[in-house]
PDB file of all heavy atoms in Angstrom:
ATOM      1  N   GLY A   1      22.281  25.748  60.417  1.00  0.00           N
ATOM      2  CA  GLY A   1      22.002  24.883  59.278  1.00  0.00           C
ATOM      3  C   GLY A   1      20.799  24.001  59.527  1.00  0.00           C
ATOM      4  O   GLY A   1      20.716  22.891  59.014  1.00  0.00           O
ATOM      5  N   ALA A   2      19.839  24.491  60.326  1.00  0.00           N
ATOM      6  CA  ALA A   2      18.702  23.659  60.734  1.00  0.00           C
ATOM      7  C   ALA A   2      17.377  24.230  60.264  1.00  0.00           C
ATOM      8  O   ALA A   2      16.333  23.934  60.818  1.00  0.00           O
ATOM      9  CB  ALA A   2      18.691  23.526  62.256  1.00  0.00           C
ATOM     10  N   GLY A   3      17.397  25.060  59.239  1.00  0.00           N
ATOM     11  CA  GLY A   3      16.167  25.699  58.794  1.00  0.00           C
ATOM     12  C   GLY A   3      15.243  24.790  58.027  1.00  0.00           C
ATOM     13  O   GLY A   3      14.120  25.160  57.718  1.00  0.00           O
ATOM     14  N   GLY A   4      15.690  23.570  57.707  1.00  0.00           N
ATOM     15  CA  GLY A   4      14.865  22.672  56.903  1.00  0.00           C
ATOM     16  C   GLY A   4      13.980  21.743  57.707  1.00  0.00           C
ATOM     17  O   GLY A   4      13.309  20.880  57.135  1.00  0.00           O
ATOM     18  N   MET A   5      13.914  21.866  59.016  1.00  0.00           N
ATOM     19  CA  MET A   5      13.090  20.976  59.829  1.00  0.00           C
ATOM     20  C   MET A   5      11.612  21.309  59.649  1.00  0.00           C
ATOM     21  O   MET A   5      11.219  22.467  59.632  1.00  0.00           O
ATOM     22  CB  MET A   5      13.465  21.083  61.310  1.00  0.00           C
ATOM     23  CG  MET A   5      14.817  20.488  61.641  1.00  0.00           C
ATOM     24  SD  MET A   5      15.143  20.503  63.440  1.00  0.00           S
ATOM     25  CE  MET A   5      13.992  19.246  64.003  1.00  0.00           C
ATOM     26  N   SER A   6      10.786  20.272  59.532  1.00  0.00           N
ATOM     27  CA  SER A   6       9.350  20.462  59.388  1.00  0.00           C
ATOM     28  C   SER A   6       8.705  20.620  60.757  1.00  0.00           C
ATOM     29  O   SER A   6       9.320  20.353  61.789  1.00  0.00           O
ATOM     30  CB  SER A   6       8.734  19.262  58.675  1.00  0.00           C
ATOM     31  OG  SER A   6       8.846  18.100  59.486  1.00  0.00           O
ATOM     32  N   LYS A   7       7.416  21.024  60.758  1.00  0.00           N
ATOM     33  CA  LYS A   7       6.701  21.178  62.015  1.00  0.00           C
ATOM     34  C   LYS A   7       6.583  19.844  62.744  1.00  0.00           C
ATOM     35  O   LYS A   7       6.662  19.781  63.970  1.00  0.00           O
ATOM     36  CB  LYS A   7       5.321  21.772  61.764  1.00  0.00           C
ATOM     37  CG  LYS A   7       5.346  23.233  61.331  1.00  0.00           C
ATOM     38  CD  LYS A   7       3.938  23.801  61.214  1.00  0.00           C
ATOM     39  CE  LYS A   7       3.980  25.277  60.810  1.00  0.00           C
ATOM     40  NZ  LYS A   7       2.622  25.859  60.690  1.00  0.00           N
ATOM     41  N   SER A   8       6.398  18.763  62.001  1.00  0.00           N
ATOM     42  CA  SER A   8       6.277  17.448  62.629  1.00  0.00           C
ATOM     43  C   SER A   8       7.597  17.017  63.253  1.00  0.00           C
ATOM     44  O   SER A   8       7.620  16.417  64.338  1.00  0.00           O
ATOM     45  CB  SER A   8       5.813  16.406  61.608  1.00  0.00           C
ATOM     46  OG  SER A   8       6.750  16.286  60.543  1.00  0.00           O
ATOM     47  N   GLN A   9       8.711  17.334  62.612  1.00  0.00           N
ATOM     48  CA  GLN A   9      10.019  16.998  63.168  1.00  0.00           C
ATOM     49  C   GLN A   9      10.276  17.790  64.448  1.00  0.00           C
ATOM     50  O   GLN A   9      10.779  17.251  65.431  1.00  0.00           O
ATOM     51  CB  GLN A   9      11.117  17.282  62.138  1.00  0.00           C
ATOM     52  CG  GLN A   9      11.153  16.316  60.972  1.00  0.00           C
ATOM     53  CD  GLN A   9      12.174  16.725  59.928  1.00  0.00           C
ATOM     54  OE1 GLN A   9      12.256  17.899  59.541  1.00  0.00           O
ATOM     55  NE2 GLN A   9      12.956  15.778  59.463  1.00  0.00           N
ATOM     56  N   VAL A  10       9.929  19.060  64.430  1.00  0.00           N
ATOM     57  CA  VAL A  10      10.091  19.892  65.622  1.00  0.00           C
ATOM     58  C   VAL A  10       9.194  19.382  66.743  1.00  0.00           C
ATOM     59  O   VAL A  10       9.596  19.330  67.917  1.00  0.00           O
ATOM     60  CB  VAL A  10       9.778  21.365  65.305  1.00  0.00           C
ATOM     61  CG1 VAL A  10       9.773  22.199  66.582  1.00  0.00           C
ATOM     62  CG2 VAL A  10      10.793  21.932  64.322  1.00  0.00           C
ATOM     63  N   SER A  11       7.975  18.986  66.402  1.00  0.00           N
ATOM     64  CA  SER A  11       7.040  18.471  67.397  1.00  0.00           C
ATOM     65  C   SER A  11       7.588  17.222  68.070  1.00  0.00           C
ATOM     66  O   SER A  11       7.491  17.065  69.296  1.00  0.00           O
ATOM     67  CB  SER A  11       5.690  18.178  66.743  1.00  0.00           C
ATOM     68  OG  SER A  11       4.783  17.653  67.690  1.00  0.00           O
ATOM     69  N   ARG A  12       8.184  16.334  67.291  1.00  0.00           N
ATOM     70  CA  ARG A  12       8.766  15.109  67.874  1.00  0.00           C
ATOM     71  C   ARG A  12       9.941  15.437  68.775  1.00  0.00           C
ATOM     72  O   ARG A  12      10.120  14.828  69.832  1.00  0.00           O
ATOM     73  CB  ARG A  12       9.196  14.154  66.750  1.00  0.00           C
ATOM     74  CG  ARG A  12       8.045  13.441  66.062  1.00  0.00           C
ATOM     75  CD  ARG A  12       8.535  12.261  65.246  1.00  0.00           C
ATOM     76  NE  ARG A  12       9.429  12.668  64.173  1.00  0.00           N
ATOM     77  CZ  ARG A  12       9.026  13.013  62.959  1.00  0.00           C
ATOM     78  NH1 ARG A  12       7.723  13.002  62.663  1.00  0.00           N
ATOM     79  NH2 ARG A  12       9.897  13.354  62.023  1.00  0.00           N
ATOM     80  N   LEU A  13      10.755  16.412  68.362  1.00  0.00           N
ATOM     81  CA  LEU A  13      11.894  16.825  69.184  1.00  0.00           C
ATOM     82  C   LEU A  13      11.405  17.386  70.516  1.00  0.00           C
ATOM     83  O   LEU A  13      11.949  17.059  71.582  1.00  0.00           O
ATOM     84  CB  LEU A  13      12.721  17.866  68.433  1.00  0.00           C
ATOM     85  CG  LEU A  13      13.914  18.491  69.179  1.00  0.00           C
ATOM     86  CD1 LEU A  13      14.915  17.420  69.584  1.00  0.00           C
ATOM     87  CD2 LEU A  13      14.580  19.553  68.317  1.00  0.00           C
ATOM     88  N   CYS A  14      10.355  18.215  70.468  1.00  0.00           N
ATOM     89  CA  CYS A  14       9.810  18.794  71.700  1.00  0.00           C
ATOM     90  C   CYS A  14       9.226  17.714  72.602  1.00  0.00           C
ATOM     91  O   CYS A  14       9.421  17.736  73.824  1.00  0.00           O
ATOM     92  CB  CYS A  14       8.733  19.826  71.369  1.00  0.00           C
ATOM     93  SG  CYS A  14       9.363  21.332  70.577  1.00  0.00           S
ATOM     94  N   MET A  15       8.527  16.756  72.027  1.00  0.00           N
ATOM     95  CA  MET A  15       7.919  15.682  72.819  1.00  0.00           C
ATOM     96  C   MET A  15       8.974  14.844  73.531  1.00  0.00           C
ATOM     97  O   MET A  15       8.807  14.460  74.688  1.00  0.00           O
ATOM     98  CB  MET A  15       7.053  14.795  71.927  1.00  0.00           C
ATOM     99  CG  MET A  15       5.748  15.433  71.482  1.00  0.00           C
ATOM    100  SD  MET A  15       4.795  14.362  70.374  1.00  0.00           S
ATOM    101  CE  MET A  15       4.519  12.948  71.437  1.00  0.00           C
ATOM    102  N   GLU A  16      10.077  14.580  72.838  1.00  0.00           N
ATOM    103  CA  GLU A  16      11.164  13.790  73.428  1.00  0.00           C
ATOM    104  C   GLU A  16      11.715  14.474  74.680  1.00  0.00           C
ATOM    105  O   GLU A  16      11.932  13.834  75.714  1.00  0.00           O
ATOM    106  CB  GLU A  16      12.276  13.603  72.395  1.00  0.00           C
ATOM    107  CG  GLU A  16      13.538  12.956  72.953  1.00  0.00           C
ATOM    108  CD  GLU A  16      14.712  13.052  71.993  1.00  0.00           C
ATOM    109  OE1 GLU A  16      14.490  13.262  70.787  1.00  0.00           O
ATOM    110  OE2 GLU A  16      15.870  12.936  72.468  1.00  0.00           O
ATOM    111  N   ILE A  17      11.917  15.785  74.592  1.00  0.00           N
ATOM    112  CA  ILE A  17      12.460  16.529  75.728  1.00  0.00           C
ATOM    113  C   ILE A  17      11.411  16.679  76.818  1.00  0.00           C
ATOM    114  O   ILE A  17      11.703  16.531  78.007  1.00  0.00           O
ATOM    115  CB  ILE A  17      12.960  17.910  75.268  1.00  0.00           C
ATOM    116  CG1 ILE A  17      14.085  17.731  74.248  1.00  0.00           C
ATOM    117  CG2 ILE A  17      13.444  18.742  76.446  1.00  0.00           C
ATOM    118  CD1 ILE A  17      14.396  18.963  73.461  1.00  0.00           C
ATOM    119  N   ASP A  18      10.159  16.955  76.414  1.00  0.00           N
ATOM    120  CA  ASP A  18       9.092  17.159  77.387  1.00  0.00           C
ATOM    121  C   ASP A  18       8.875  15.930  78.261  1.00  0.00           C
ATOM    122  O   ASP A  18       8.560  16.056  79.451  1.00  0.00           O
ATOM    123  CB  ASP A  18       7.787  17.530  76.679  1.00  0.00           C
ATOM    124  CG  ASP A  18       7.825  18.938  76.098  1.00  0.00           C
ATOM    125  OD1 ASP A  18       8.755  19.692  76.462  1.00  0.00           O
ATOM    126  OD2 ASP A  18       6.953  19.274  75.283  1.00  0.00           O
ATOM    127  N   GLU A  19       9.022  14.751  77.696  1.00  0.00           N
ATOM    128  CA  GLU A  19       8.843  13.527  78.476  1.00  0.00           C
ATOM    129  C   GLU A  19       9.848  13.454  79.621  1.00  0.00           C
ATOM    130  O   GLU A  19       9.496  13.124  80.754  1.00  0.00           O
ATOM    131  CB  GLU A  19       8.979  12.299  77.571  1.00  0.00           C
ATOM    132  CG  GLU A  19       7.785  12.070  76.654  1.00  0.00           C
ATOM    133  CD  GLU A  19       7.969  10.854  75.773  1.00  0.00           C
ATOM    134  OE1 GLU A  19       9.016  10.157  75.923  1.00  0.00           O
ATOM    135  OE2 GLU A  19       7.094  10.578  74.936  1.00  0.00           O
ATOM    136  N   ARG A  20      11.101  13.762  79.330  1.00  0.00           N
ATOM    137  CA  ARG A  20      12.131  13.734  80.365  1.00  0.00           C
ATOM    138  C   ARG A  20      11.913  14.826  81.402  1.00  0.00           C
ATOM    139  O   ARG A  20      12.006  14.588  82.608  1.00  0.00           O
ATOM    140  CB  ARG A  20      13.518  13.902  79.740  1.00  0.00           C
ATOM    141  CG  ARG A  20      14.025  12.709  78.976  1.00  0.00           C
ATOM    142  CD  ARG A  20      15.524  12.819  78.788  1.00  0.00           C
ATOM    143  NE  ARG A  20      16.222  12.798  80.068  1.00  0.00           N
ATOM    144  CZ  ARG A  20      17.487  13.157  80.233  1.00  0.00           C
ATOM    145  NH1 ARG A  20      18.182  13.599  79.199  1.00  0.00           N
ATOM    146  NH2 ARG A  20      18.053  13.095  81.418  1.00  0.00           N
ATOM    147  N   VAL A  21      11.614  16.026  80.929  1.00  0.00           N
ATOM    148  CA  VAL A  21      11.434  17.158  81.836  1.00  0.00           C
ATOM    149  C   VAL A  21      10.204  16.944  82.722  1.00  0.00           C
ATOM    150  O   VAL A  21      10.253  17.173  83.937  1.00  0.00           O
ATOM    151  CB  VAL A  21      11.309  18.472  81.043  1.00  0.00           C
ATOM    152  CG1 VAL A  21      10.884  19.615  81.958  1.00  0.00           C
ATOM    153  CG2 VAL A  21      12.645  18.816  80.378  1.00  0.00           C
ATOM    154  N   ASP A  22       9.094  16.483  82.122  1.00  0.00           N
ATOM    155  CA  ASP A  22       7.867  16.268  82.895  1.00  0.00           C
ATOM    156  C   ASP A  22       8.070  15.196  83.961  1.00  0.00           C
ATOM    157  O   ASP A  22       7.571  15.323  85.088  1.00  0.00           O
ATOM    158  CB  ASP A  22       6.713  15.866  81.972  1.00  0.00           C
ATOM    159  CG  ASP A  22       6.257  17.012  81.085  1.00  0.00           C
ATOM    160  OD1 ASP A  22       6.637  18.167  81.371  1.00  0.00           O
ATOM    161  OD2 ASP A  22       5.543  16.754  80.093  1.00  0.00           O
ATOM    162  N   ALA A  23       8.794  14.122  83.614  1.00  0.00           N
ATOM    163  CA  ALA A  23       9.058  13.060  84.592  1.00  0.00           C
ATOM    164  C   ALA A  23       9.876  13.605  85.761  1.00  0.00           C
ATOM    165  O   ALA A  23       9.639  13.250  86.927  1.00  0.00           O
ATOM    166  CB  ALA A  23       9.781  11.896  83.920  1.00  0.00           C
ATOM    167  N   PHE A  24      10.818  14.472  85.454  1.00  0.00           N
ATOM    168  CA  PHE A  24      11.659  15.058  86.508  1.00  0.00           C
ATOM    169  C   PHE A  24      10.856  16.004  87.396  1.00  0.00           C
ATOM    170  O   PHE A  24      10.950  15.952  88.627  1.00  0.00           O
ATOM    171  CB  PHE A  24      12.828  15.806  85.859  1.00  0.00           C
ATOM    172  CG  PHE A  24      13.601  16.683  86.793  1.00  0.00           C
ATOM    173  CD1 PHE A  24      14.337  16.136  87.832  1.00  0.00           C
ATOM    174  CD2 PHE A  24      13.589  18.067  86.644  1.00  0.00           C
ATOM    175  CE1 PHE A  24      15.053  16.944  88.709  1.00  0.00           C
ATOM    176  CE2 PHE A  24      14.300  18.876  87.501  1.00  0.00           C
ATOM    177  CZ  PHE A  24      15.032  18.311  88.541  1.00  0.00           C
ATOM    178  N   LEU A  25      10.043  16.851  86.789  1.00  0.00           N
ATOM    179  CA  LEU A  25       9.314  17.864  87.549  1.00  0.00           C
ATOM    180  C   LEU A  25       8.099  17.308  88.289  1.00  0.00           C
ATOM    181  O   LEU A  25       7.528  18.006  89.128  1.00  0.00           O
ATOM    182  CB  LEU A  25       8.865  18.994  86.620  1.00  0.00           C
ATOM    183  CG  LEU A  25       9.990  19.827  85.979  1.00  0.00           C
ATOM    184  CD1 LEU A  25       9.410  20.871  85.037  1.00  0.00           C
ATOM    185  CD2 LEU A  25      10.856  20.498  87.044  1.00  0.00           C
ATOM    186  N   SER A  26       7.715  16.075  87.994  1.00  0.00           N
ATOM    187  CA  SER A  26       6.566  15.481  88.683  1.00  0.00           C
ATOM    188  C   SER A  26       6.959  14.314  89.581  1.00  0.00           C
ATOM    189  O   SER A  26       6.090  13.631  90.114  1.00  0.00           O
ATOM    190  CB  SER A  26       5.523  15.015  87.656  1.00  0.00           C
ATOM    191  OG  SER A  26       6.072  14.028  86.791  1.00  0.00           O
ATOM    192  N   ARG A  27       8.256  14.083  89.756  1.00  0.00           N
ATOM    193  CA  ARG A  27       8.707  12.937  90.551  1.00  0.00           C
ATOM    194  C   ARG A  27       8.263  13.085  92.009  1.00  0.00           C
ATOM    195  O   ARG A  27       8.164  14.201  92.531  1.00  0.00           O
ATOM    196  CB  ARG A  27      10.237  12.806  90.482  1.00  0.00           C
ATOM    197  CG  ARG A  27      10.985  13.870  91.262  1.00  0.00           C
ATOM    198  CD  ARG A  27      12.465  13.867  90.927  1.00  0.00           C
ATOM    199  NE  ARG A  27      13.257  14.704  91.826  1.00  0.00           N
ATOM    200  CZ  ARG A  27      13.333  16.033  91.741  1.00  0.00           C
ATOM    201  NH1 ARG A  27      12.647  16.677  90.799  1.00  0.00           N
ATOM    202  NH2 ARG A  27      14.089  16.714  92.591  1.00  0.00           N
ATOM    203  N   PRO A  28       7.996  11.970  92.693  1.00  0.00           N
ATOM    204  CA  PRO A  28       7.606  12.035  94.106  1.00  0.00           C
ATOM    205  C   PRO A  28       8.769  12.539  94.967  1.00  0.00           C
ATOM    206  O   PRO A  28       9.937  12.279  94.668  1.00  0.00           O
ATOM    207  CB  PRO A  28       7.263  10.578  94.447  1.00  0.00           C
ATOM    208  CG  PRO A  28       7.050   9.907  93.138  1.00  0.00           C
ATOM    209  CD  PRO A  28       7.941  10.596  92.162  1.00  0.00           C
ATOM    210  N   LEU A  29       8.434  13.258  96.022  1.00  0.00           N
ATOM    211  CA  LEU A  29       9.429  13.775  96.966  1.00  0.00           C
ATOM    212  C   LEU A  29       9.258  13.020  98.280  1.00  0.00           C
ATOM    213  O   LEU A  29       8.170  13.016  98.851  1.00  0.00           O
ATOM    214  CB  LEU A  29       9.238  15.274  97.173  1.00  0.00           C
ATOM    215  CG  LEU A  29       9.305  16.135  95.902  1.00  0.00           C
ATOM    216  CD1 LEU A  29       8.945  17.580  96.216  1.00  0.00           C
ATOM    217  CD2 LEU A  29      10.689  16.050  95.262  1.00  0.00           C
ATOM    218  N   GLU A  30      10.339  12.409  98.738  1.00  0.00           N
ATOM    219  CA  GLU A  30      10.263  11.584  99.937  1.00  0.00           C
ATOM    220  C   GLU A  30      11.090  12.180 101.066  1.00  0.00           C
ATOM    221  O   GLU A  30      12.094  12.849 100.837  1.00  0.00           O
ATOM    222  CB  GLU A  30      10.752  10.165  99.623  1.00  0.00           C
ATOM    223  CG  GLU A  30       9.935   9.458  98.543  1.00  0.00           C
ATOM    224  CD  GLU A  30      10.482   8.078  98.214  1.00  0.00           C
ATOM    225  OE1 GLU A  30      11.578   7.746  98.729  1.00  0.00           O
ATOM    226  OE2 GLU A  30       9.830   7.345  97.450  1.00  0.00           O
ATOM    227  N   GLY A  31      10.658  11.918 102.290  1.00  0.00           N
ATOM    228  CA  GLY A  31      11.388  12.391 103.459  1.00  0.00           C
ATOM    229  C   GLY A  31      11.062  13.834 103.798  1.00  0.00           C
ATOM    230  O   GLY A  31      10.164  14.454 103.220  1.00  0.00           O
ATOM    231  N   ALA A  32      11.801  14.371 104.763  1.00  0.00           N
ATOM    232  CA  ALA A  32      11.605  15.756 105.212  1.00  0.00           C
ATOM    233  C   ALA A  32      12.605  16.677 104.526  1.00  0.00           C
ATOM    234  O   ALA A  32      13.754  16.303 104.294  1.00  0.00           O
ATOM    235  CB  ALA A  32      11.756  15.847 106.725  1.00  0.00           C
ATOM    236  N   TRP A  33      12.147  17.894 104.255  1.00  0.00           N
ATOM    237  CA  TRP A  33      12.963  18.896 103.568  1.00  0.00           C
ATOM    238  C   TRP A  33      12.914  20.184 104.391  1.00  0.00           C
ATOM    239  O   TRP A  33      12.080  21.062 104.127  1.00  0.00           O
ATOM    240  CB  TRP A  33      12.437  19.135 102.152  1.00  0.00           C
ATOM    241  CG  TRP A  33      12.379  17.902 101.311  1.00  0.00           C
ATOM    242  CD1 TRP A  33      11.425  16.917 101.361  1.00  0.00           C
ATOM    243  CD2 TRP A  33      13.311  17.509 100.307  1.00  0.00           C
ATOM    244  NE1 TRP A  33      11.706  15.938 100.442  1.00  0.00           N
ATOM    245  CE2 TRP A  33      12.861  16.273  99.769  1.00  0.00           C
ATOM    246  CE3 TRP A  33      14.475  18.088  99.787  1.00  0.00           C
ATOM    247  CZ2 TRP A  33      13.539  15.613  98.758  1.00  0.00           C
ATOM    248  CZ3 TRP A  33      15.147  17.414  98.777  1.00  0.00           C
ATOM    249  CH2 TRP A  33      14.688  16.201  98.274  1.00  0.00           C
ATOM    250  N   PRO A  34      13.776  20.327 105.373  1.00  0.00           N
ATOM    251  CA  PRO A  34      13.669  21.465 106.295  1.00  0.00           C
ATOM    252  C   PRO A  34      13.913  22.834 105.677  1.00  0.00           C
ATOM    253  O   PRO A  34      13.349  23.824 106.136  1.00  0.00           O
ATOM    254  CB  PRO A  34      14.713  21.156 107.371  1.00  0.00           C
ATOM    255  CG  PRO A  34      15.650  20.182 106.738  1.00  0.00           C
ATOM    256  CD  PRO A  34      14.843  19.385 105.782  1.00  0.00           C
ATOM    257  N   TYR A  35      14.748  22.908 104.622  1.00  0.00           N
ATOM    258  CA  TYR A  35      15.066  24.205 104.027  1.00  0.00           C
ATOM    259  C   TYR A  35      14.619  24.242 102.567  1.00  0.00           C
ATOM    260  O   TYR A  35      14.934  23.345 101.781  1.00  0.00           O
ATOM    261  CB  TYR A  35      16.565  24.484 104.093  1.00  0.00           C
ATOM    262  CG  TYR A  35      17.116  24.527 105.503  1.00  0.00           C
ATOM    263  CD1 TYR A  35      18.207  23.740 105.875  1.00  0.00           C
ATOM    264  CD2 TYR A  35      16.563  25.358 106.466  1.00  0.00           C
ATOM    265  CE1 TYR A  35      18.720  23.778 107.157  1.00  0.00           C
ATOM    266  CE2 TYR A  35      17.059  25.408 107.751  1.00  0.00           C
ATOM    267  CZ  TYR A  35      18.138  24.610 108.096  1.00  0.00           C
ATOM    268  OH  TYR A  35      18.632  24.657 109.377  1.00  0.00           O
ATOM    269  N   LEU A  36      13.909  25.309 102.210  1.00  0.00           N
ATOM    270  CA  LEU A  36      13.404  25.472 100.855  1.00  0.00           C
ATOM    271  C   LEU A  36      13.772  26.864 100.348  1.00  0.00           C
ATOM    272  O   LEU A  36      13.428  27.876 100.965  1.00  0.00           O
ATOM    273  CB  LEU A  36      11.875  25.308 100.845  1.00  0.00           C
ATOM    274  CG  LEU A  36      11.150  25.586  99.520  1.00  0.00           C
ATOM    275  CD1 LEU A  36      11.553  24.574  98.453  1.00  0.00           C
ATOM    276  CD2 LEU A  36       9.629  25.555  99.728  1.00  0.00           C
TER     277      LEU A  36
END
């Protein structure tokens, strides 16, 4: 039931999620990590 969303609404939804995901994927890594 979500076919009525506009491109601007979708863009805002994507930006909201991207901010959280980008912050997580770019966070500093501290200490030693022996196993990867």
